[in-house]
Protein backbone atom coordinates (compact mmCIF):
# COMPACT_ATOMS: atom_id res chain seq x y z
CA UNK A 1 30.31 -9.76 -23.76
CA UNK A 2 27.76 -7.13 -24.79
CA UNK A 3 26.06 -4.36 -22.88
CA UNK A 4 25.77 -4.57 -19.09
CA UNK A 5 22.70 -2.74 -17.75
CA UNK A 6 22.04 -1.70 -14.16
CA UNK A 7 18.38 -1.16 -13.24
CA UNK A 8 17.95 1.40 -10.46
CA UNK A 9 15.13 -0.39 -8.65
CA UNK A 10 14.26 -3.70 -7.05
CA UNK A 11 10.52 -3.14 -7.46
CA UNK A 12 9.32 -6.37 -9.06
CA UNK A 13 7.15 -4.84 -11.77
CA UNK A 14 9.78 -2.25 -12.76
CA UNK A 15 12.54 -4.88 -12.94
CA UNK A 16 10.48 -7.38 -14.94
CA UNK A 17 9.42 -4.63 -17.38
CA UNK A 18 12.98 -3.35 -17.78
CA UNK A 19 14.37 -6.87 -18.27
CA UNK A 20 11.77 -7.61 -20.95
CA UNK A 21 12.76 -4.40 -22.80
CA UNK A 22 16.46 -5.23 -22.49
CA UNK A 23 15.97 -8.78 -23.75
CA UNK A 24 13.84 -7.52 -26.65
CA UNK A 25 16.92 -5.57 -27.75
CA UNK A 26 19.31 -8.48 -27.18
CA UNK A 27 20.70 -7.26 -23.83
CA UNK A 28 20.83 -10.15 -21.37
CA UNK A 29 23.50 -8.98 -18.94
CA UNK A 30 21.91 -6.90 -16.17
CA UNK A 31 21.40 -6.48 -12.45
CA UNK A 32 18.87 -4.63 -10.32
CA UNK A 33 20.00 -2.47 -7.40
CA UNK A 34 18.07 -0.78 -4.63
CA UNK A 35 18.08 3.01 -4.94
CA UNK A 36 16.56 5.06 -2.14
CA UNK A 37 14.75 8.24 -3.19
CA UNK A 38 13.59 11.06 -0.95
CA UNK A 39 10.07 11.14 -2.38
CA UNK A 40 7.85 8.12 -2.83
CA UNK A 41 5.27 9.62 -5.18
CA UNK A 42 6.29 12.26 -7.73
CA UNK A 43 3.43 14.61 -8.49
CA UNK A 44 4.33 16.24 -11.81
CA UNK A 45 6.28 15.50 -14.98
CA UNK A 46 9.44 17.36 -13.93
CA UNK A 47 9.58 15.66 -10.56
CA UNK A 48 8.97 12.26 -12.14
CA UNK A 49 11.74 12.77 -14.70
CA UNK A 50 14.06 14.09 -11.96
CA UNK A 51 13.52 11.00 -9.79
CA UNK A 52 13.97 8.63 -12.74
CA UNK A 53 17.17 10.54 -13.63
CA UNK A 54 18.39 10.22 -10.03
CA UNK A 55 17.80 6.46 -10.13
CA UNK A 56 19.64 6.17 -13.47
CA UNK A 57 22.58 8.23 -12.17
CA UNK A 58 22.88 6.05 -9.08
CA UNK A 59 22.53 2.89 -11.18
CA UNK A 60 25.38 3.84 -13.56
CA UNK A 61 27.66 4.10 -10.50
CA UNK A 62 27.46 0.29 -10.29
CA UNK A 63 29.78 0.12 -13.33
CA UNK A 64 27.25 -0.74 -15.96
CA UNK A 65 27.38 0.34 -19.57
CA UNK A 66 23.95 1.86 -19.04
CA UNK A 67 21.97 2.85 -15.96
CA UNK A 68 18.19 2.72 -16.01
CA UNK A 69 15.84 4.70 -13.78
CA UNK A 70 12.08 4.14 -13.82
CA UNK A 71 9.55 6.21 -11.94
CA UNK A 72 5.78 6.27 -11.89
CA UNK A 73 4.34 9.76 -11.66
CA UNK A 74 1.01 11.50 -11.40
CA UNK A 75 0.26 14.55 -13.52
CA UNK A 76 -2.54 17.03 -12.86
CA UNK A 77 -2.24 19.21 -15.98
CA UNK A 78 -5.75 18.48 -17.24
CA UNK A 79 -7.54 19.09 -13.95
CA UNK A 80 -7.67 15.44 -12.92
CA UNK A 81 -4.93 12.93 -12.11
CA UNK A 82 -3.21 11.01 -14.89
CA UNK A 83 -0.58 8.35 -14.15
CA UNK A 84 2.28 6.93 -16.21
CA UNK A 85 5.85 5.65 -16.12
CA UNK A 86 8.98 7.57 -17.08
CA UNK A 87 12.29 5.87 -17.80
CA UNK A 88 15.69 7.52 -18.05
CA UNK A 89 18.69 5.72 -19.52
CA UNK A 90 22.25 7.00 -19.04
CA UNK A 91 25.39 5.63 -20.66
CA UNK A 92 29.00 5.78 -19.39
CA UNK A 93 29.52 9.09 -21.20
CA UNK A 94 26.54 10.55 -19.32
CA UNK A 95 24.42 10.83 -22.45
CA UNK A 96 20.78 10.52 -21.53
CA UNK A 97 17.47 9.58 -23.14
CA UNK A 98 13.90 9.59 -21.86
CA UNK A 99 11.07 7.17 -22.46
CA UNK A 100 7.41 7.36 -21.53
CA UNK A 101 4.64 4.83 -21.13
CA UNK A 102 1.01 5.21 -22.00
CA UNK A 103 -0.86 7.45 -19.59
CA UNK A 104 -4.13 6.57 -17.90
CA UNK A 105 -6.70 8.53 -15.87
CA UNK A 106 -7.19 8.01 -12.17
CA UNK A 107 -10.49 8.70 -10.39
CA UNK A 108 -11.07 12.42 -9.90
CA UNK A 109 -11.68 11.96 -6.18
CA UNK A 110 -8.04 10.78 -5.88
CA UNK A 111 -6.83 14.38 -6.30
CA UNK A 112 -7.27 15.17 -2.61
CA UNK A 113 -6.14 11.74 -1.44
CA UNK A 114 -2.89 11.99 -3.43
CA UNK A 115 -1.90 15.11 -1.52
CA UNK A 116 -1.58 12.96 1.61
CA UNK A 117 -0.75 9.42 0.39
CA UNK A 118 0.97 7.59 -2.43
CA UNK A 119 -1.07 5.98 -5.18
CA UNK A 120 0.09 2.56 -3.97
CA UNK A 121 -1.21 3.26 -0.46
CA UNK A 122 -4.54 4.53 -1.78
CA UNK A 123 -4.96 1.52 -4.05
CA UNK A 124 -4.13 -0.88 -1.20
CA UNK A 125 -6.79 0.75 0.99
CA UNK A 126 -9.43 0.86 -1.75
CA UNK A 127 -8.80 -2.63 -3.16
CA UNK A 128 -7.52 -4.53 -0.12
CA UNK A 129 -4.58 -5.79 -2.23
CA UNK A 130 -1.20 -5.56 -0.46
CA UNK A 131 1.86 -4.44 -2.45
CA UNK A 132 -0.26 -3.68 -5.50
CA UNK A 133 2.52 -1.41 -6.87
CA UNK A 134 4.99 -4.31 -6.95
CA UNK A 135 2.46 -6.59 -8.57
CA UNK A 136 0.35 -5.27 -11.42
CA UNK A 137 -0.17 -1.72 -10.22
CA UNK A 138 -3.18 0.55 -10.35
CA UNK A 139 -3.40 0.05 -14.12
CA UNK A 140 -3.62 -3.73 -13.65
CA UNK A 141 -6.49 -3.33 -11.22
CA UNK A 142 -8.31 -0.75 -13.35
CA UNK A 143 -8.00 -2.85 -16.55
CA UNK A 144 -8.64 -6.22 -14.87
CA UNK A 145 -5.11 -7.26 -15.85
CA UNK A 146 -5.36 -6.30 -19.54
CA UNK A 147 -2.53 -3.80 -18.99
CA UNK A 148 -0.11 -4.06 -16.04
CA UNK A 149 2.59 -1.96 -14.45
CA UNK A 150 5.13 -4.39 -15.93
CA UNK A 151 3.84 -3.44 -19.39
CA UNK A 152 4.10 0.29 -18.65
CA UNK A 153 7.66 -0.18 -17.33
CA UNK A 154 8.55 -2.23 -20.42
CA UNK A 155 7.14 0.44 -22.72
CA UNK A 156 8.94 3.35 -21.02
CA UNK A 157 12.32 1.55 -20.88
CA UNK A 158 12.08 0.43 -24.50
CA UNK A 159 11.33 4.03 -25.57
CA UNK A 160 14.29 5.35 -23.55
CA UNK A 161 16.61 2.77 -25.12
CA UNK A 162 15.68 3.75 -28.70
CA UNK A 163 18.18 6.62 -29.06
CA UNK A 164 21.00 4.36 -27.86
CA UNK A 165 20.03 1.56 -30.24
CA UNK A 166 19.67 3.91 -33.24
CA UNK A 167 22.49 6.31 -32.39
CA UNK A 168 23.18 7.13 -36.06
CA UNK A 169 19.59 8.27 -36.47
CA UNK A 170 19.41 10.33 -33.28
CA UNK A 171 22.96 11.70 -33.76
CA UNK A 172 23.20 13.80 -30.58
CA UNK A 173 21.75 13.00 -27.18
CA UNK A 174 21.36 15.32 -24.24
CA UNK A 175 23.90 15.04 -21.45
CA UNK A 176 22.83 14.56 -17.86
CA UNK A 177 23.82 18.17 -17.11
CA UNK A 178 21.81 19.48 -20.06
CA UNK A 179 18.73 17.58 -18.89
CA UNK A 180 19.18 18.87 -15.33
CA UNK A 181 19.36 22.43 -16.66
CA UNK A 182 16.09 21.90 -18.58
CA UNK A 183 14.42 20.46 -15.49
CA UNK A 184 15.41 23.51 -13.40
CA UNK A 185 13.68 25.95 -15.79
């Protein structure tokens, strides 16, 4: 029967990216479920990881072997906004692994705009493209389709799955509670 994965999102680009990563590793049994979060746009690494973890925790409740949470976040550590995807994978034993996509810079003038609106909303206003976040994302627009949000989701999920696929190499994984403790500090 194999591994059954539950993806904690119905966002088209996140699901397609996650499914591509799963299939790359020979996992073809999956479903996507809608998970409601309290915040639409995480604004730092800890918040992004926390929301991806929340999605993965809710996803595993749907009786999968693994739950997958994916979240796009914006980080301001370098004085201008940088965006990327974070994936969290949880197994039935509540072991957890993180994966990250490539990061890319956003326009500096977005710093003030992002305090009031989500990146998706800003990109829709600036580009006139509806639902850009479910299509190819800001990265797709900025690279003229050379890199898309699907690709970033794929990359982050694949990286988060590595420790589960090479368990003998990684030996010990963090538990959900250990990760939550780290995120609180």
